[in-house]
C-alpha atoms as a PDB file:
ATOM      1  CA  MET A   1     158.063 110.827 124.481  1.00  0.00           C
ATOM      2  CA  SER A   2     160.228 109.043 126.996  1.00  0.00           C
ATOM      3  CA  THR A   3     163.915 109.939 127.073  1.00  0.00           C
ATOM      4  CA  ARG A   4     164.712 106.283 127.850  1.00  0.00           C
ATOM      5  CA  ASN A   5     163.279 105.119 124.527  1.00  0.00           C
ATOM      6  CA  PRO A   6     163.028 107.859 121.902  1.00  0.00           C
ATOM      7  CA  ARG A   7     161.441 105.457 119.408  1.00  0.00           C
ATOM      8  CA  PRO A   8     157.662 105.558 118.994  1.00  0.00           C
ATOM      9  CA  VAL A   9     156.098 102.393 120.401  1.00  0.00           C
ATOM     10  CA  VAL A  10     152.754 100.952 119.296  1.00  0.00           C
ATOM     11  CA  THR A  11     151.198  98.211 121.443  1.00  0.00           C
ATOM     12  CA  PHE A  12     149.040  95.454 119.944  1.00  0.00           C
ATOM     13  CA  PRO A  13     146.859  92.865 121.675  1.00  0.00           C
ATOM     14  CA  ILE A  14     148.792  89.668 122.430  1.00  0.00           C
ATOM     15  CA  VAL A  15     147.068  86.849 120.572  1.00  0.00           C
ATOM     16  CA  LEU A  16     147.709  83.116 120.847  1.00  0.00           C
ATOM     17  CA  ARG A  17     147.750  81.661 117.318  1.00  0.00           C
ATOM     18  CA  GLU A  18     147.649  78.057 116.106  1.00  0.00           C
ATOM     19  CA  LEU A  19     149.717  77.864 112.912  1.00  0.00           C
ATOM     20  CA  THR A  20     150.862  75.180 110.510  1.00  0.00           C
ATOM     21  CA  VAL A  21     154.425  74.540 109.368  1.00  0.00           C
ATOM     22  CA  LEU A  22     154.406  75.196 105.615  1.00  0.00           C
ATOM     23  CA  ARG A  23     158.097  74.768 104.776  1.00  0.00           C
ATOM     24  CA  VAL A  24     161.418  73.945 106.395  1.00  0.00           C
ATOM     25  CA  ALA A  25     164.685  74.887 104.669  1.00  0.00           C
ATOM     26  CA  ASP A  26     168.345  75.100 105.613  1.00  0.00           C
ATOM     27  CA  VAL A  27     169.460  78.686 104.967  1.00  0.00           C
ATOM     28  CA  THR A  28     173.068  77.833 105.872  1.00  0.00           C
ATOM     29  CA  PRO A  29     174.654  74.736 107.430  1.00  0.00           C
ATOM     30  CA  GLY A  30     174.060  76.349 110.831  1.00  0.00           C
ATOM     31  CA  MET A  31     170.654  77.989 110.275  1.00  0.00           C
ATOM     32  CA  ARG A  32     167.221  76.478 109.607  1.00  0.00           C
ATOM     33  CA  ARG A  33     164.252  78.537 108.401  1.00  0.00           C
ATOM     34  CA  VAL A  34     160.721  77.495 109.347  1.00  0.00           C
ATOM     35  CA  THR A  35     157.799  79.036 107.442  1.00  0.00           C
ATOM     36  CA  LEU A  36     154.457  79.093 109.252  1.00  0.00           C
ATOM     37  CA  GLY A  37     151.018  79.932 107.961  1.00  0.00           C
ATOM     38  CA  GLY A  38     147.328  79.494 108.542  1.00  0.00           C
ATOM     39  CA  PRO A  39     144.077  81.362 108.942  1.00  0.00           C
ATOM     40  CA  GLN A  40     145.009  82.623 112.421  1.00  0.00           C
ATOM     41  CA  LEU A  41     147.612  84.985 110.936  1.00  0.00           C
ATOM     42  CA  ARG A  42     144.527  86.956 109.841  1.00  0.00           C
ATOM     43  CA  ALA A  43     141.722  88.200 112.101  1.00  0.00           C
ATOM     44  CA  PHE A  44     139.758  85.272 113.539  1.00  0.00           C
ATOM     45  CA  HIS A  45     137.125  84.328 116.137  1.00  0.00           C
ATOM     46  CA  ARG A  46     137.849  81.941 119.025  1.00  0.00           C
ATOM     47  CA  ASP A  47     136.161  81.301 122.384  1.00  0.00           C
ATOM     48  CA  GLY A  48     133.740  84.206 121.908  1.00  0.00           C
ATOM     49  CA  LEU A  49     136.518  86.685 121.085  1.00  0.00           C
ATOM     50  CA  ASP A  50     137.170  88.555 117.854  1.00  0.00           C
ATOM     51  CA  LEU A  51     140.970  88.551 117.597  1.00  0.00           C
ATOM     52  CA  PRO A  52     142.993  90.801 115.284  1.00  0.00           C
ATOM     53  CA  ALA A  53     145.359  89.848 112.492  1.00  0.00           C
ATOM     54  CA  LEU A  54     149.052  89.530 113.318  1.00  0.00           C
ATOM     55  CA  ARG A  55     150.995  92.765 112.922  1.00  0.00           C
ATOM     56  CA  THR A  56     154.765  92.852 112.919  1.00  0.00           C
ATOM     57  CA  GLU A  57     156.185  96.106 111.634  1.00  0.00           C
ATOM     58  CA  GLY A  58     159.185  96.836 113.825  1.00  0.00           C
ATOM     59  CA  PHE A  59     162.707  95.616 113.286  1.00  0.00           C
ATOM     60  CA  ASP A  60     162.843  94.209 116.812  1.00  0.00           C
ATOM     61  CA  ASP A  61     159.398  92.598 117.051  1.00  0.00           C
ATOM     62  CA  HIS A  62     159.249  89.146 118.535  1.00  0.00           C
ATOM     63  CA  VAL A  63     156.740  86.389 119.106  1.00  0.00           C
ATOM     64  CA  LYS A  64     156.711  83.678 121.716  1.00  0.00           C
ATOM     65  CA  PHE A  65     156.867  80.054 120.514  1.00  0.00           C
ATOM     66  CA  PHE A  66     155.311  77.398 122.775  1.00  0.00           C
ATOM     67  CA  PHE A  67     157.007  73.996 122.815  1.00  0.00           C
ATOM     68  CA  ALA A  68     155.930  70.583 124.053  1.00  0.00           C
ATOM     69  CA  GLU A  69     157.924  68.680 126.655  1.00  0.00           C
ATOM     70  CA  GLY A  70     158.301  65.021 125.751  1.00  0.00           C
ATOM     71  CA  ASP A  71     155.133  63.450 124.345  1.00  0.00           C
ATOM     72  CA  GLU A  72     152.796  65.850 126.143  1.00  0.00           C
ATOM     73  CA  PRO A  73     151.066  68.669 124.244  1.00  0.00           C
ATOM     74  CA  PRO A  74     152.475  72.142 124.941  1.00  0.00           C
ATOM     75  CA  VAL A  75     151.212  74.014 128.000  1.00  0.00           C
ATOM     76  CA  LEU A  76     149.399  77.048 126.586  1.00  0.00           C
ATOM     77  CA  PRO A  77     148.098  80.233 128.160  1.00  0.00           C
ATOM     78  CA  GLY A  78     144.441  81.181 127.848  1.00  0.00           C
ATOM     79  CA  GLN A  79     143.325  84.062 125.624  1.00  0.00           C
ATOM     80  CA  ASN A  80     141.800  87.218 127.084  1.00  0.00           C
ATOM     81  CA  VAL A  81     140.546  90.192 125.072  1.00  0.00           C
ATOM     82  CA  SER A  82     144.010  91.731 124.608  1.00  0.00           C
ATOM     83  CA  SER A  83     146.399  89.603 126.650  1.00  0.00           C
ATOM     84  CA  LEU A  84     147.203  86.074 127.740  1.00  0.00           C
ATOM     85  CA  ASP A  85     146.098  84.366 130.940  1.00  0.00           C
ATOM     86  CA  TRP A  86     149.084  82.334 132.167  1.00  0.00           C
ATOM     87  CA  PRO A  87     148.262  79.028 133.885  1.00  0.00           C
ATOM     88  CA  VAL A  88     149.032  78.808 137.604  1.00  0.00           C
ATOM     89  CA  ASP A  89     149.424  75.021 137.755  1.00  0.00           C
ATOM     90  CA  ALA A  90     151.978  74.568 134.945  1.00  0.00           C
ATOM     91  CA  ARG A  91     154.579  76.757 133.323  1.00  0.00           C
ATOM     92  CA  PRO A  92     154.600  76.953 129.499  1.00  0.00           C
ATOM     93  CA  LEU A  93     157.889  76.169 127.794  1.00  0.00           C
ATOM     94  CA  ALA A  94     158.252  79.251 125.607  1.00  0.00           C
ATOM     95  CA  LYS A  95     161.025  81.060 123.708  1.00  0.00           C
ATOM     96  CA  ASP A  96     161.056  84.421 121.913  1.00  0.00           C
ATOM     97  CA  TYR A  97     161.917  84.678 118.205  1.00  0.00           C
ATOM     98  CA  THR A  98     162.093  87.561 115.736  1.00  0.00           C
ATOM     99  CA  PRO A  99     160.323  87.045 112.412  1.00  0.00           C
ATOM    100  CA  VAL A 100     162.642  87.426 109.436  1.00  0.00           C
ATOM    101  CA  ARG A 101     159.826  87.741 106.878  1.00  0.00           C
ATOM    102  CA  PHE A 102     156.089  88.342 107.151  1.00  0.00           C
ATOM    103  CA  ASP A 103     153.867  88.310 104.080  1.00  0.00           C
ATOM    104  CA  PRO A 104     150.285  88.939 105.196  1.00  0.00           C
ATOM    105  CA  GLY A 105     148.985  88.611 101.620  1.00  0.00           C
ATOM    106  CA  ALA A 106     150.419  85.104 101.262  1.00  0.00           C
ATOM    107  CA  GLY A 107     149.635  84.251 104.886  1.00  0.00           C
ATOM    108  CA  GLU A 108     153.242  83.310 105.698  1.00  0.00           C
ATOM    109  CA  ILE A 109     155.772  84.185 108.379  1.00  0.00           C
ATOM    110  CA  ASP A 110     159.403  82.971 108.526  1.00  0.00           C
ATOM    111  CA  PHE A 111     161.637  82.341 111.530  1.00  0.00           C
ATOM    112  CA  ASP A 112     165.314  81.340 111.577  1.00  0.00           C
ATOM    113  CA  PHE A 113     166.668  78.916 114.185  1.00  0.00           C
ATOM    114  CA  VAL A 114     170.355  78.383 114.918  1.00  0.00           C
ATOM    115  CA  ARG A 115     171.202  74.694 114.630  1.00  0.00           C
ATOM    116  CA  HIS A 116     172.934  73.426 117.780  1.00  0.00           C
ATOM    117  CA  GLU A 117     172.736  70.565 120.235  1.00  0.00           C
ATOM    118  CA  GLY A 118     170.552  70.616 123.313  1.00  0.00           C
ATOM    119  CA  GLY A 119     168.220  73.570 122.815  1.00  0.00           C
ATOM    120  CA  VAL A 120     164.456  73.026 122.874  1.00  0.00           C
ATOM    121  CA  ALA A 121     163.842  75.389 119.939  1.00  0.00           C
ATOM    122  CA  SER A 122     166.759  74.102 117.870  1.00  0.00           C
ATOM    123  CA  THR A 123     165.666  70.507 118.489  1.00  0.00           C
ATOM    124  CA  TRP A 124     162.102  71.382 117.446  1.00  0.00           C
ATOM    125  CA  ALA A 125     163.334  73.134 114.278  1.00  0.00           C
ATOM    126  CA  GLN A 126     165.475  70.096 113.353  1.00  0.00           C
ATOM    127  CA  ARG A 127     162.570  67.680 113.736  1.00  0.00           C
ATOM    128  CA  VAL A 128     159.526  69.642 112.572  1.00  0.00           C
ATOM    129  CA  LYS A 129     157.903  68.707 109.259  1.00  0.00           C
ATOM    130  CA  PRO A 130     155.486  70.558 106.965  1.00  0.00           C
ATOM    131  CA  GLY A 131     151.910  69.996 108.081  1.00  0.00           C
ATOM    132  CA  GLU A 132     152.677  69.969 111.814  1.00  0.00           C
ATOM    133  CA  VAL A 133     150.942  72.457 114.105  1.00  0.00           C
ATOM    134  CA  THR A 134     152.688  74.943 116.384  1.00  0.00           C
ATOM    135  CA  TRP A 135     151.595  77.825 118.615  1.00  0.00           C
ATOM    136  CA  ILE A 136     152.908  81.399 118.808  1.00  0.00           C
ATOM    137  CA  ALA A 137     151.797  84.547 120.641  1.00  0.00           C
ATOM    138  CA  GLY A 138     152.525  88.174 119.816  1.00  0.00           C
ATOM    139  CA  ALA A 139     153.869  90.477 118.553  1.00  0.00           C
ATOM    140  CA  GLU A 140     153.056  92.660 121.524  1.00  0.00           C
ATOM    141  CA  ASP A 141     154.581  95.985 120.654  1.00  0.00           C
ATOM    142  CA  VAL A 142     156.383  97.583 117.789  1.00  0.00           C
ATOM    143  CA  ALA A 143     159.275  99.983 118.333  1.00  0.00           C
ATOM    144  CA  ARG A 144     160.040 101.915 115.197  1.00  0.00           C
ATOM    145  CA  SER A 145     163.482 103.325 114.521  1.00  0.00           C
ATOM    146  CA  PRO A 146     163.019 106.758 112.953  1.00  0.00           C
ATOM    147  CA  ARG A 147     165.655 108.265 110.706  1.00  0.00           C
ATOM    148  CA  GLY A 148     168.502 109.705 112.741  1.00  0.00           C
ATOM    149  CA  ARG A 149     167.550 107.872 115.948  1.00  0.00           C
ATOM    150  CA  GLY A 150     169.572 104.683 115.598  1.00  0.00           C
ATOM    151  CA  LEU A 151     172.631 103.598 117.528  1.00  0.00           C
ATOM    152  CA  ALA A 152     174.859 105.759 115.334  1.00  0.00           C
ATOM    153  CA  ALA A 153     172.694 108.886 115.689  1.00  0.00           C
ATOM    154  CA  GLY A 154     174.637 112.018 116.502  1.00  0.00           C
ATOM    155  CA  ARG A 155     177.947 110.576 115.349  1.00  0.00           C
ATOM    156  CA  ARG A 156     179.838 111.827 112.337  1.00  0.00           C
ATOM    157  CA  ARG A 157     181.641 110.022 109.569  1.00  0.00           C
ATOM    158  CA  ARG A 158     185.326 110.759 108.932  1.00  0.00           C
ATOM    159  CA  ASP A 159     184.348 113.231 106.209  1.00  0.00           C
ATOM    160  CA  GLY A 160     182.215 115.160 108.734  1.00  0.00           C
ATOM    161  CA  ALA A 161     178.816 114.145 107.342  1.00  0.00           C
ATOM    162  CA  ALA A 162     176.179 113.056 109.855  1.00  0.00           C
ATOM    163  CA  ARG A 163     175.429 109.349 110.161  1.00  0.00           C
ATOM    164  CA  ASP A 164     171.763 108.571 109.882  1.00  0.00           C
ATOM    165  CA  ARG A 165     171.742 104.782 109.972  1.00  0.00           C
ATOM    166  CA  PRO A 166     171.774 102.665 113.105  1.00  0.00           C
ATOM    167  CA  VAL A 167     174.457 100.087 113.677  1.00  0.00           C
ATOM    168  CA  ALA A 168     173.288  96.651 114.794  1.00  0.00           C
ATOM    169  CA  GLY A 169     175.207  93.485 115.535  1.00  0.00           C
ATOM    170  CA  GLY A 170     175.016  90.168 117.285  1.00  0.00           C
ATOM    171  CA  ASP A 171     176.221  86.584 117.340  1.00  0.00           C
ATOM    172  CA  ALA A 172     174.401  83.709 115.609  1.00  0.00           C
ATOM    173  CA  ARG A 173     171.650  83.685 118.238  1.00  0.00           C
ATOM    174  CA  GLY A 174     170.917  87.326 117.460  1.00  0.00           C
ATOM    175  CA  HIS A 175     170.830  86.690 113.711  1.00  0.00           C
ATOM    176  CA  PRO A 176     167.410  88.091 112.780  1.00  0.00           C
ATOM    177  CA  GLY A 177     167.820  91.456 114.498  1.00  0.00           C
ATOM    178  CA  PRO A 178     170.520  93.013 112.292  1.00  0.00           C
ATOM    179  CA  GLY A 179     169.113  91.482 109.114  1.00  0.00           C
ATOM    180  CA  VAL A 180     165.511  92.367 109.880  1.00  0.00           C
ATOM    181  CA  HIS A 181     166.551  95.929 110.669  1.00  0.00           C
ATOM    182  CA  ARG A 182     167.606  96.219 107.047  1.00  0.00           C
ATOM    183  CA  GLY A 183     164.002  95.809 105.952  1.00  0.00           C
ATOM    184  CA  ARG A 184     163.230  92.082 106.415  1.00  0.00           C
ATOM    185  CA  ARG A 185     164.564  91.354 102.928  1.00  0.00           C
ATOM    186  CA  GLY A 186     168.044  92.821 103.168  1.00  0.00           C
ATOM    187  CA  GLU A 187     167.350  96.266 101.730  1.00  0.00           C
ATOM    188  CA  PRO A 188     168.254  99.272 103.834  1.00  0.00           C
ATOM    189  CA  PRO A 189     165.255 101.242 105.130  1.00  0.00           C
ATOM    190  CA  ALA A 190     163.880 103.809 102.667  1.00  0.00           C
ATOM    191  CA  GLY A 191     165.951 106.981 102.653  1.00  0.00           C
ATOM    192  CA  ALA A 192     168.959 105.475 104.429  1.00  0.00           C
ATOM    193  CA  GLY A 193     172.116 107.404 103.601  1.00  0.00           C
ATOM    194  CA  ASP A 194     175.726 106.303 103.125  1.00  0.00           C
END
């Protein structure tokens, strides 16, 4: 195991997925949640390739959203067996986002977008309506955070007991990371101590 990243990492094929907006809801006045779904969250066949179901198991997984510029359709990469083939004549407009909830049984995945002026993703999230189509790719790899290996590992509490939970933080743009680390629904990971 690498000393640079002591967390086990599992790599998955990067798959381009066409999904449908199922719901849009304001979580707070400054945060909008977009729920996506569709058959391409599961294993599917496209262009002669059998492509696997989406997997997102790590607290810091991310997918790439592809956005349109103006009235043109989004520039998309091509799909290879386990990776994407990026176009040479045009650059896709893409941004990375961390899922805040993934329910493979229901075929739904949620993403939170900070509401602000001028950003391509924020503008898309403000305007998108249920039934519209969007494209994502990923998640590429999953880095798990084993017990005792978080940011607080090796440190002691004031009473001398070992800390075994990581500490995560961020501003509004980093919102999903700390919350997702708690188990995608706000619970601490199983076995987390005080």
